[in-house]
Amino acid sequence: MNQILNTGVRWTIHDVELLPENEGTRYEIVDGELFVSRASHFKHQQTCGKIFGQLNIWSESTGLEEAVINPGVLFSESDNVIPDVVWATKETLALTLDEAGHLTGATDLIVEVLSESKEDERRDKEAKLKLYSSRGVKEYWIADWRSRKLEVYRREQSQLNLVETLFSSDIITSPLLPGFSSTVNQFFPV
């Protein structure tokens, strides 16, 4: 379940700090709009884990990069999100990781896994796409575990553009991830 609290108020991280902590509730702010969501579907979480696993195995073999699940990314007081999976080079991490352990800038790759509702889809395909594009993310993947589909957005001419839509039997590669290759089917639970 996901809802937007849009009352004409521009939300900031300081406002969110005042909200009650509820187990399983996630607060994200995109351009001052507050998104509240509950714990995701089991298969959503499995998909996050599988994508992280593939990126993590490759990252460990190269020794140059890091993958992480659900990190906080604090772009600004009114842009504070929790992507499903993030991948960044060590150089990017050195520039964006603050002392509190939060990312404060664009990472190289962000992955969002679609949840159940149309509002979640709007958040990931519109609000977050616009945010990640404006903040300099190099590549953005949107995974849909229901249709076993992966949309790949890459930075072209200063913005993220959809460059391919891949299905189960397709292989994902990326100029951002030299030597990385995975069948899209490996990202999704059985």
N, C-alpha and C. Protein backbone atom coordinates (compact mmCIF):
# COMPACT_ATOMS: atom_id res chain seq x y z
N MET A 1 0.84 -1.18 0.00
CA MET A 1 0.00 0.00 0.00
C MET A 1 0.88 1.24 0.00
N ASN A 2 0.51 2.17 -0.82
CA ASN A 2 1.29 3.40 -0.96
C ASN A 2 0.32 4.57 -1.00
N GLN A 3 0.72 5.66 -0.41
CA GLN A 3 -0.10 6.84 -0.53
C GLN A 3 0.78 8.07 -0.58
N ILE A 4 0.18 9.12 -1.12
CA ILE A 4 0.88 10.41 -1.20
C ILE A 4 0.18 11.34 -0.22
N LEU A 5 0.96 12.05 0.55
CA LEU A 5 0.41 13.09 1.41
C LEU A 5 0.71 14.41 0.74
N ASN A 6 -0.20 14.86 -0.12
CA ASN A 6 0.01 16.09 -0.87
C ASN A 6 -1.04 17.09 -0.43
N THR A 7 -0.65 17.96 0.44
CA THR A 7 -1.57 18.95 0.98
C THR A 7 -1.17 20.35 0.56
N GLY A 8 -0.39 20.48 -0.48
CA GLY A 8 0.11 21.78 -0.88
C GLY A 8 1.34 22.18 -0.10
N VAL A 9 1.74 21.34 0.83
CA VAL A 9 2.92 21.59 1.66
C VAL A 9 4.13 21.01 0.96
N ARG A 10 5.22 21.72 1.03
CA ARG A 10 6.48 21.21 0.48
C ARG A 10 7.23 20.54 1.63
N TRP A 11 7.32 19.22 1.59
CA TRP A 11 7.93 18.44 2.66
C TRP A 11 9.45 18.49 2.57
N THR A 12 10.11 18.38 3.73
CA THR A 12 11.57 18.31 3.80
C THR A 12 11.95 17.16 4.72
N ILE A 13 13.24 16.85 4.75
CA ILE A 13 13.72 15.80 5.64
C ILE A 13 13.46 16.15 7.10
N HIS A 14 13.42 17.43 7.43
CA HIS A 14 13.15 17.85 8.80
C HIS A 14 11.71 17.52 9.20
N ASP A 15 10.78 17.63 8.26
CA ASP A 15 9.39 17.26 8.52
C ASP A 15 9.28 15.76 8.75
N VAL A 16 9.96 14.98 7.95
CA VAL A 16 9.89 13.52 8.06
C VAL A 16 10.45 13.06 9.40
N GLU A 17 11.47 13.74 9.90
CA GLU A 17 12.03 13.38 11.20
C GLU A 17 11.01 13.50 12.32
N LEU A 18 9.99 14.31 12.13
CA LEU A 18 8.95 14.51 13.15
C LEU A 18 7.82 13.48 13.06
N LEU A 19 7.76 12.73 11.95
CA LEU A 19 6.71 11.73 11.78
C LEU A 19 7.00 10.52 12.66
N PRO A 20 5.95 9.83 13.10
CA PRO A 20 6.17 8.66 13.96
C PRO A 20 6.87 7.54 13.20
N GLU A 21 7.74 6.83 13.91
CA GLU A 21 8.39 5.68 13.30
C GLU A 21 7.45 4.49 13.40
N ASN A 22 7.10 3.95 12.26
CA ASN A 22 6.24 2.78 12.21
C ASN A 22 6.98 1.69 11.47
N GLU A 23 7.07 0.53 12.09
CA GLU A 23 7.76 -0.61 11.48
C GLU A 23 7.18 -0.89 10.10
N GLY A 24 8.04 -0.94 9.11
CA GLY A 24 7.61 -1.26 7.75
C GLY A 24 7.12 -0.06 6.95
N THR A 25 7.13 1.13 7.52
CA THR A 25 6.71 2.33 6.79
C THR A 25 7.93 3.04 6.24
N ARG A 26 7.84 3.41 5.00
CA ARG A 26 8.96 4.08 4.33
C ARG A 26 8.50 5.45 3.84
N TYR A 27 9.26 6.47 4.20
CA TYR A 27 8.97 7.83 3.77
C TYR A 27 10.02 8.26 2.76
N GLU A 28 9.56 8.77 1.61
CA GLU A 28 10.46 9.31 0.60
C GLU A 28 9.91 10.66 0.17
N ILE A 29 10.80 11.58 -0.16
CA ILE A 29 10.40 12.90 -0.63
C ILE A 29 11.04 13.12 -1.99
N VAL A 30 10.22 13.48 -2.97
CA VAL A 30 10.71 13.82 -4.30
C VAL A 30 10.13 15.18 -4.65
N ASP A 31 11.00 16.15 -4.81
CA ASP A 31 10.60 17.52 -5.12
C ASP A 31 9.55 18.04 -4.14
N GLY A 32 9.77 17.77 -2.87
CA GLY A 32 8.89 18.26 -1.82
C GLY A 32 7.61 17.47 -1.64
N GLU A 33 7.37 16.44 -2.46
CA GLU A 33 6.17 15.61 -2.35
C GLU A 33 6.51 14.38 -1.51
N LEU A 34 5.69 14.12 -0.50
CA LEU A 34 5.93 13.01 0.41
C LEU A 34 5.23 11.75 -0.09
N PHE A 35 6.00 10.67 -0.22
CA PHE A 35 5.47 9.36 -0.59
C PHE A 35 5.62 8.46 0.63
N VAL A 36 4.54 7.79 1.01
CA VAL A 36 4.54 6.89 2.16
C VAL A 36 4.18 5.51 1.64
N SER A 37 5.01 4.53 1.94
CA SER A 37 4.69 3.17 1.50
C SER A 37 4.96 2.18 2.61
N ARG A 38 4.28 1.08 2.54
CA ARG A 38 4.43 -0.02 3.49
C ARG A 38 5.40 -1.05 2.92
N ALA A 39 5.69 -2.04 3.72
CA ALA A 39 6.56 -3.12 3.29
C ALA A 39 6.06 -3.70 1.96
N SER A 40 6.99 -3.98 1.08
CA SER A 40 6.67 -4.46 -0.27
C SER A 40 6.33 -5.94 -0.28
N HIS A 41 5.77 -6.36 -1.40
CA HIS A 41 5.44 -7.76 -1.65
C HIS A 41 6.70 -8.61 -1.53
N PHE A 42 6.55 -9.83 -1.09
CA PHE A 42 7.66 -10.75 -0.91
C PHE A 42 8.49 -10.89 -2.19
N LYS A 43 7.82 -11.00 -3.35
CA LYS A 43 8.54 -11.16 -4.62
C LYS A 43 9.27 -9.88 -5.03
N HIS A 44 8.75 -8.74 -4.61
CA HIS A 44 9.46 -7.47 -4.82
C HIS A 44 10.81 -7.54 -4.10
N GLN A 45 10.78 -7.97 -2.85
CA GLN A 45 12.01 -8.06 -2.06
C GLN A 45 12.97 -9.11 -2.64
N GLN A 46 12.43 -10.23 -3.10
CA GLN A 46 13.26 -11.25 -3.73
C GLN A 46 13.96 -10.69 -4.97
N THR A 47 13.22 -9.92 -5.77
CA THR A 47 13.80 -9.31 -6.97
C THR A 47 14.94 -8.38 -6.59
N CYS A 48 14.72 -7.55 -5.57
CA CYS A 48 15.81 -6.66 -5.10
C CYS A 48 17.05 -7.47 -4.74
N GLY A 49 16.83 -8.54 -4.00
CA GLY A 49 17.96 -9.38 -3.57
C GLY A 49 18.68 -10.03 -4.74
N LYS A 50 17.93 -10.49 -5.73
CA LYS A 50 18.56 -11.15 -6.88
C LYS A 50 19.36 -10.15 -7.72
N ILE A 51 18.81 -8.96 -7.93
CA ILE A 51 19.56 -7.94 -8.69
C ILE A 51 20.80 -7.54 -7.93
N PHE A 52 20.65 -7.29 -6.64
CA PHE A 52 21.81 -6.97 -5.80
C PHE A 52 22.84 -8.10 -5.88
N GLY A 53 22.39 -9.34 -5.78
CA GLY A 53 23.30 -10.48 -5.82
C GLY A 53 24.13 -10.53 -7.09
N GLN A 54 23.48 -10.33 -8.23
CA GLN A 54 24.20 -10.36 -9.51
C GLN A 54 25.23 -9.22 -9.58
N LEU A 55 24.80 -8.02 -9.17
CA LEU A 55 25.73 -6.88 -9.19
C LEU A 55 26.85 -7.05 -8.17
N ASN A 56 26.53 -7.60 -7.02
CA ASN A 56 27.52 -7.77 -5.97
C ASN A 56 28.59 -8.79 -6.35
N ILE A 57 28.17 -9.90 -6.92
CA ILE A 57 29.14 -10.92 -7.37
C ILE A 57 30.10 -10.31 -8.39
N TRP A 58 29.55 -9.59 -9.36
CA TRP A 58 30.40 -8.95 -10.37
C TRP A 58 31.30 -7.90 -9.73
N SER A 59 30.74 -7.09 -8.82
CA SER A 59 31.53 -6.04 -8.16
C SER A 59 32.69 -6.61 -7.37
N GLU A 60 32.44 -7.69 -6.63
CA GLU A 60 33.52 -8.31 -5.85
C GLU A 60 34.61 -8.87 -6.75
N SER A 61 34.23 -9.36 -7.92
CA SER A 61 35.24 -9.91 -8.82
C SER A 61 36.11 -8.82 -9.45
N THR A 62 35.57 -7.61 -9.61
CA THR A 62 36.35 -6.52 -10.20
C THR A 62 37.10 -5.72 -9.14
N GLY A 63 36.54 -5.67 -7.92
CA GLY A 63 37.19 -4.95 -6.83
C GLY A 63 37.13 -3.44 -6.92
N LEU A 64 36.36 -2.90 -7.84
CA LEU A 64 36.33 -1.45 -8.03
C LEU A 64 35.02 -0.80 -7.60
N GLU A 65 34.01 -1.59 -7.35
CA GLU A 65 32.68 -1.05 -7.15
C GLU A 65 31.99 -1.66 -5.94
N GLU A 66 30.83 -1.08 -5.59
CA GLU A 66 30.02 -1.56 -4.48
C GLU A 66 28.55 -1.54 -4.88
N ALA A 67 27.82 -2.55 -4.44
CA ALA A 67 26.37 -2.58 -4.60
C ALA A 67 25.76 -2.62 -3.20
N VAL A 68 24.58 -2.02 -3.05
CA VAL A 68 23.91 -2.02 -1.74
C VAL A 68 22.40 -2.00 -1.94
N ILE A 69 21.69 -2.60 -0.99
CA ILE A 69 20.23 -2.63 -1.02
C ILE A 69 19.69 -1.53 -0.10
N ASN A 70 18.69 -0.81 -0.58
CA ASN A 70 17.93 0.20 0.17
C ASN A 70 18.76 1.25 0.90
N PRO A 71 19.71 1.88 0.23
CA PRO A 71 20.43 2.96 0.92
C PRO A 71 19.61 4.25 0.91
N GLY A 72 19.82 5.08 1.88
CA GLY A 72 19.22 6.41 1.84
C GLY A 72 20.03 7.30 0.92
N VAL A 73 19.37 8.03 0.05
CA VAL A 73 20.04 8.99 -0.82
C VAL A 73 19.44 10.36 -0.53
N LEU A 74 20.23 11.23 0.09
CA LEU A 74 19.78 12.56 0.48
C LEU A 74 20.33 13.58 -0.50
N PHE A 75 19.61 13.79 -1.58
CA PHE A 75 20.06 14.76 -2.58
C PHE A 75 19.95 16.18 -2.04
N SER A 76 18.88 16.46 -1.29
CA SER A 76 18.65 17.78 -0.72
C SER A 76 17.59 17.63 0.37
N GLU A 77 17.23 18.72 1.02
CA GLU A 77 16.20 18.66 2.05
C GLU A 77 14.85 18.24 1.51
N SER A 78 14.59 18.50 0.22
CA SER A 78 13.29 18.14 -0.35
C SER A 78 13.38 17.01 -1.37
N ASP A 79 14.51 16.35 -1.44
CA ASP A 79 14.70 15.18 -2.30
C ASP A 79 15.48 14.13 -1.52
N ASN A 80 14.73 13.20 -0.93
CA ASN A 80 15.29 12.20 -0.04
C ASN A 80 14.60 10.87 -0.38
N VAL A 81 15.34 9.93 -0.98
CA VAL A 81 14.74 8.69 -1.45
C VAL A 81 15.49 7.48 -0.92
N ILE A 82 14.84 6.33 -1.07
CA ILE A 82 15.44 5.05 -0.66
C ILE A 82 15.31 4.09 -1.84
N PRO A 83 16.26 4.13 -2.78
CA PRO A 83 16.18 3.22 -3.92
C PRO A 83 16.28 1.76 -3.47
N ASP A 84 15.79 0.86 -4.33
CA ASP A 84 15.85 -0.57 -3.99
C ASP A 84 17.28 -1.10 -4.04
N VAL A 85 18.03 -0.74 -5.07
CA VAL A 85 19.43 -1.18 -5.21
C VAL A 85 20.22 -0.03 -5.81
N VAL A 86 21.42 0.15 -5.31
CA VAL A 86 22.33 1.17 -5.83
C VAL A 86 23.67 0.51 -6.09
N TRP A 87 24.33 0.94 -7.16
CA TRP A 87 25.68 0.50 -7.47
C TRP A 87 26.51 1.74 -7.75
N ALA A 88 27.71 1.77 -7.19
CA ALA A 88 28.58 2.93 -7.39
C ALA A 88 30.04 2.50 -7.39
N THR A 89 30.83 3.24 -8.16
CA THR A 89 32.28 3.01 -8.12
C THR A 89 32.82 3.53 -6.79
N LYS A 90 33.99 3.09 -6.43
CA LYS A 90 34.60 3.56 -5.19
C LYS A 90 34.85 5.06 -5.25
N GLU A 91 35.15 5.57 -6.43
CA GLU A 91 35.36 7.02 -6.59
C GLU A 91 34.07 7.79 -6.31
N THR A 92 32.95 7.28 -6.83
CA THR A 92 31.66 7.93 -6.59
C THR A 92 31.31 7.88 -5.11
N LEU A 93 31.53 6.73 -4.48
CA LEU A 93 31.25 6.62 -3.05
C LEU A 93 32.08 7.60 -2.24
N ALA A 94 33.35 7.77 -2.61
CA ALA A 94 34.22 8.70 -1.88
C ALA A 94 33.68 10.13 -1.96
N LEU A 95 33.03 10.47 -3.07
CA LEU A 95 32.49 11.82 -3.25
C LEU A 95 31.10 12.01 -2.64
N THR A 96 30.32 10.93 -2.51
CA THR A 96 28.92 11.09 -2.14
C THR A 96 28.54 10.54 -0.77
N LEU A 97 29.36 9.74 -0.15
CA LEU A 97 29.01 9.14 1.14
C LEU A 97 29.40 10.08 2.27
N ASP A 98 28.41 10.48 3.09
CA ASP A 98 28.72 11.40 4.18
C ASP A 98 29.10 10.63 5.45
N GLU A 99 29.47 11.36 6.49
CA GLU A 99 29.92 10.74 7.74
C GLU A 99 28.82 9.93 8.42
N ALA A 100 27.56 10.27 8.16
CA ALA A 100 26.44 9.54 8.75
C ALA A 100 26.10 8.27 7.97
N GLY A 101 26.85 8.02 6.88
CA GLY A 101 26.63 6.82 6.10
C GLY A 101 25.53 6.94 5.06
N HIS A 102 25.15 8.17 4.70
CA HIS A 102 24.14 8.39 3.67
C HIS A 102 24.80 8.87 2.38
N LEU A 103 24.23 8.45 1.29
CA LEU A 103 24.66 8.98 0.00
C LEU A 103 24.05 10.37 -0.16
N THR A 104 24.83 11.30 -0.64
CA THR A 104 24.36 12.68 -0.76
C THR A 104 24.40 13.18 -2.20
N GLY A 105 24.60 12.29 -3.14
CA GLY A 105 24.66 12.68 -4.54
C GLY A 105 24.37 11.50 -5.43
N ALA A 106 24.46 11.75 -6.71
CA ALA A 106 24.14 10.73 -7.71
C ALA A 106 25.12 9.58 -7.67
N THR A 107 24.57 8.38 -7.70
CA THR A 107 25.40 7.19 -7.86
C THR A 107 25.42 6.82 -9.33
N ASP A 108 26.21 5.84 -9.67
CA ASP A 108 26.36 5.45 -11.06
C ASP A 108 25.11 4.74 -11.60
N LEU A 109 24.56 3.82 -10.80
CA LEU A 109 23.39 3.05 -11.21
C LEU A 109 22.40 2.99 -10.06
N ILE A 110 21.13 3.23 -10.37
CA ILE A 110 20.05 3.05 -9.40
C ILE A 110 19.04 2.09 -10.02
N VAL A 111 18.56 1.16 -9.19
CA VAL A 111 17.54 0.20 -9.62
C VAL A 111 16.32 0.35 -8.73
N GLU A 112 15.17 0.49 -9.35
CA GLU A 112 13.90 0.46 -8.63
C GLU A 112 13.11 -0.74 -9.13
N VAL A 113 12.47 -1.44 -8.20
CA VAL A 113 11.61 -2.56 -8.52
C VAL A 113 10.18 -2.09 -8.32
N LEU A 114 9.35 -2.24 -9.35
CA LEU A 114 7.97 -1.76 -9.27
C LEU A 114 7.20 -2.53 -8.21
N SER A 115 6.38 -1.79 -7.48
CA SER A 115 5.48 -2.39 -6.51
C SER A 115 4.10 -2.54 -7.13
N GLU A 116 3.10 -2.75 -6.28
CA GLU A 116 1.77 -3.12 -6.76
C GLU A 116 0.98 -1.98 -7.39
N SER A 117 0.99 -0.83 -6.78
CA SER A 117 0.02 0.20 -7.15
C SER A 117 0.47 1.08 -8.33
N LYS A 118 -0.54 1.71 -8.93
CA LYS A 118 -0.27 2.66 -10.01
C LYS A 118 0.50 3.87 -9.47
N GLU A 119 0.25 4.22 -8.21
CA GLU A 119 0.96 5.34 -7.60
C GLU A 119 2.45 5.02 -7.46
N ASP A 120 2.76 3.78 -7.10
CA ASP A 120 4.17 3.35 -7.02
C ASP A 120 4.81 3.44 -8.40
N GLU A 121 4.07 3.01 -9.40
CA GLU A 121 4.59 3.06 -10.78
C GLU A 121 4.83 4.50 -11.21
N ARG A 122 3.91 5.41 -10.88
CA ARG A 122 4.08 6.82 -11.21
C ARG A 122 5.31 7.38 -10.50
N ARG A 123 5.48 7.02 -9.23
CA ARG A 123 6.63 7.49 -8.46
C ARG A 123 7.94 7.06 -9.14
N ASP A 124 8.04 5.78 -9.51
CA ASP A 124 9.29 5.26 -10.07
C ASP A 124 9.52 5.69 -11.52
N LYS A 125 8.45 5.71 -12.33
CA LYS A 125 8.60 6.00 -13.76
C LYS A 125 8.53 7.48 -14.10
N GLU A 126 8.03 8.29 -13.19
CA GLU A 126 7.95 9.72 -13.46
C GLU A 126 8.77 10.54 -12.45
N ALA A 127 8.33 10.55 -11.20
CA ALA A 127 8.98 11.41 -10.20
C ALA A 127 10.45 11.04 -9.98
N LYS A 128 10.72 9.76 -9.76
CA LYS A 128 12.11 9.36 -9.51
C LYS A 128 12.95 9.43 -10.78
N LEU A 129 12.38 9.08 -11.92
CA LEU A 129 13.12 9.21 -13.18
C LEU A 129 13.56 10.65 -13.38
N LYS A 130 12.67 11.58 -13.17
CA LYS A 130 13.00 13.00 -13.31
C LYS A 130 14.06 13.42 -12.30
N LEU A 131 13.91 12.98 -11.05
CA LEU A 131 14.89 13.31 -10.01
C LEU A 131 16.26 12.75 -10.36
N TYR A 132 16.33 11.47 -10.68
CA TYR A 132 17.62 10.84 -10.98
C TYR A 132 18.25 11.46 -12.21
N SER A 133 17.44 11.81 -13.18
CA SER A 133 17.96 12.44 -14.38
C SER A 133 18.55 13.81 -14.06
N SER A 134 17.83 14.61 -13.28
CA SER A 134 18.30 15.97 -12.96
C SER A 134 19.50 15.96 -12.03
N ARG A 135 19.68 14.90 -11.26
CA ARG A 135 20.79 14.83 -10.29
C ARG A 135 22.05 14.17 -10.84
N GLY A 136 21.98 13.62 -12.05
CA GLY A 136 23.20 13.10 -12.67
C GLY A 136 23.45 11.61 -12.58
N VAL A 137 22.42 10.83 -12.20
CA VAL A 137 22.57 9.37 -12.19
C VAL A 137 22.89 8.93 -13.61
N LYS A 138 23.86 8.03 -13.76
CA LYS A 138 24.31 7.62 -15.10
C LYS A 138 23.41 6.58 -15.75
N GLU A 139 22.84 5.70 -14.91
CA GLU A 139 21.98 4.65 -15.47
C GLU A 139 20.91 4.31 -14.44
N TYR A 140 19.70 4.02 -14.93
CA TYR A 140 18.55 3.74 -14.08
C TYR A 140 17.81 2.55 -14.66
N TRP A 141 17.62 1.53 -13.83
CA TRP A 141 16.88 0.34 -14.25
C TRP A 141 15.57 0.30 -13.48
N ILE A 142 14.48 -0.01 -14.19
CA ILE A 142 13.19 -0.25 -13.54
C ILE A 142 12.82 -1.71 -13.83
N ALA A 143 12.74 -2.50 -12.77
CA ALA A 143 12.44 -3.93 -12.89
C ALA A 143 10.98 -4.19 -12.52
N ASP A 144 10.31 -4.97 -13.33
CA ASP A 144 8.92 -5.35 -13.07
C ASP A 144 8.87 -6.87 -12.92
N TRP A 145 8.75 -7.33 -11.67
CA TRP A 145 8.79 -8.78 -11.43
C TRP A 145 7.54 -9.48 -11.93
N ARG A 146 6.45 -8.77 -12.07
CA ARG A 146 5.23 -9.40 -12.56
C ARG A 146 5.35 -9.77 -14.04
N SER A 147 5.84 -8.84 -14.85
CA SER A 147 5.98 -9.12 -16.28
C SER A 147 7.38 -9.58 -16.64
N ARG A 148 8.25 -9.67 -15.64
CA ARG A 148 9.64 -10.13 -15.83
C ARG A 148 10.32 -9.29 -16.92
N LYS A 149 10.25 -7.99 -16.71
CA LYS A 149 10.73 -7.01 -17.68
C LYS A 149 11.67 -6.03 -16.99
N LEU A 150 12.67 -5.55 -17.74
CA LEU A 150 13.62 -4.58 -17.23
C LEU A 150 13.73 -3.43 -18.23
N GLU A 151 13.42 -2.21 -17.76
CA GLU A 151 13.60 -1.02 -18.58
C GLU A 151 14.94 -0.40 -18.20
N VAL A 152 15.74 -0.06 -19.20
CA VAL A 152 17.07 0.50 -18.98
C VAL A 152 17.10 1.94 -19.50
N TYR A 153 17.40 2.86 -18.60
CA TYR A 153 17.56 4.27 -18.95
C TYR A 153 19.03 4.62 -18.80
N ARG A 154 19.58 5.30 -19.80
CA ARG A 154 20.98 5.73 -19.75
C ARG A 154 21.07 7.22 -20.00
N ARG A 155 22.10 7.81 -19.43
CA ARG A 155 22.33 9.24 -19.59
C ARG A 155 22.81 9.50 -21.02
N GLU A 156 22.02 10.29 -21.72
CA GLU A 156 22.34 10.73 -23.07
C GLU A 156 21.99 12.20 -23.15
N GLN A 157 22.91 13.02 -23.57
CA GLN A 157 22.68 14.46 -23.72
C GLN A 157 22.07 15.04 -22.44
N SER A 158 22.72 14.77 -21.32
CA SER A 158 22.39 15.35 -20.01
C SER A 158 21.09 14.88 -19.38
N GLN A 159 20.50 13.79 -19.89
CA GLN A 159 19.31 13.27 -19.23
C GLN A 159 19.21 11.77 -19.42
N LEU A 160 18.43 11.13 -18.55
CA LEU A 160 18.20 9.70 -18.66
C LEU A 160 17.12 9.44 -19.70
N ASN A 161 17.44 8.58 -20.66
CA ASN A 161 16.51 8.20 -21.72
C ASN A 161 16.37 6.68 -21.76
N LEU A 162 15.16 6.21 -22.05
CA LEU A 162 14.92 4.79 -22.21
C LEU A 162 15.69 4.31 -23.44
N VAL A 163 16.62 3.36 -23.23
CA VAL A 163 17.42 2.87 -24.36
C VAL A 163 17.04 1.43 -24.74
N GLU A 164 16.46 0.68 -23.80
CA GLU A 164 16.01 -0.66 -24.15
C GLU A 164 15.07 -1.20 -23.09
N THR A 165 14.21 -2.09 -23.54
CA THR A 165 13.32 -2.85 -22.66
C THR A 165 13.66 -4.31 -22.87
N LEU A 166 14.05 -4.97 -21.80
CA LEU A 166 14.51 -6.35 -21.89
C LEU A 166 13.53 -7.28 -21.19
N PHE A 167 13.40 -8.50 -21.72
CA PHE A 167 12.52 -9.50 -21.15
C PHE A 167 13.34 -10.70 -20.68
N SER A 168 12.67 -11.68 -20.10
CA SER A 168 13.31 -12.81 -19.41
C SER A 168 14.52 -13.41 -20.11
N SER A 169 14.41 -13.71 -21.39
CA SER A 169 15.50 -14.40 -22.07
C SER A 169 16.58 -13.45 -22.59
N ASP A 170 16.36 -12.14 -22.48
CA ASP A 170 17.36 -11.17 -22.94
C ASP A 170 18.51 -11.08 -21.95
N ILE A 171 19.64 -10.60 -22.45
CA ILE A 171 20.84 -10.44 -21.62
C ILE A 171 21.09 -8.95 -21.40
N ILE A 172 21.29 -8.60 -20.13
CA ILE A 172 21.60 -7.21 -19.79
C ILE A 172 23.11 -7.04 -19.73
N THR A 173 23.59 -6.04 -20.46
CA THR A 173 24.98 -5.60 -20.37
C THR A 173 24.91 -4.08 -20.29
N SER A 174 26.02 -3.47 -19.94
CA SER A 174 26.03 -2.02 -19.82
C SER A 174 27.44 -1.49 -20.02
N PRO A 175 27.60 -0.38 -20.75
CA PRO A 175 28.92 0.23 -20.85
C PRO A 175 29.40 0.74 -19.49
N LEU A 176 28.49 0.95 -18.58
CA LEU A 176 28.82 1.37 -17.22
C LEU A 176 29.45 0.24 -16.41
N LEU A 177 29.12 -1.00 -16.79
CA LEU A 177 29.55 -2.19 -16.05
C LEU A 177 30.35 -3.11 -16.96
N PRO A 178 31.59 -2.75 -17.28
CA PRO A 178 32.36 -3.55 -18.22
C PRO A 178 32.53 -5.00 -17.75
N GLY A 179 32.12 -5.92 -18.62
CA GLY A 179 32.24 -7.34 -18.30
C GLY A 179 31.03 -7.91 -17.57
N PHE A 180 30.10 -7.06 -17.15
CA PHE A 180 28.89 -7.56 -16.48
C PHE A 180 27.92 -8.06 -17.53
N SER A 181 27.32 -9.21 -17.23
CA SER A 181 26.34 -9.80 -18.13
C SER A 181 25.44 -10.72 -17.31
N SER A 182 24.15 -10.61 -17.51
CA SER A 182 23.21 -11.47 -16.80
C SER A 182 21.96 -11.63 -17.64
N THR A 183 21.41 -12.81 -17.64
CA THR A 183 20.10 -13.02 -18.25
C THR A 183 19.09 -12.32 -17.35
N VAL A 184 18.18 -11.57 -17.93
CA VAL A 184 17.19 -10.83 -17.14
C VAL A 184 16.41 -11.77 -16.24
N ASN A 185 16.16 -12.99 -16.69
CA ASN A 185 15.43 -13.97 -15.89
C ASN A 185 16.08 -14.20 -14.53
N GLN A 186 17.40 -14.04 -14.43
CA GLN A 186 18.12 -14.25 -13.17
C GLN A 186 17.78 -13.18 -12.14
N PHE A 187 17.15 -12.10 -12.55
CA PHE A 187 16.78 -11.02 -11.63
C PHE A 187 15.46 -11.29 -10.91
N PHE A 188 14.70 -12.27 -11.40
CA PHE A 188 13.34 -12.45 -10.88
C PHE A 188 13.17 -13.81 -10.20
N PRO A 189 12.31 -13.82 -9.15
CA PRO A 189 12.06 -15.09 -8.46
C PRO A 189 11.25 -16.05 -9.33
N VAL A 190 11.33 -17.30 -9.00
CA VAL A 190 10.61 -18.34 -9.75
C VAL A 190 9.14 -18.28 -9.40
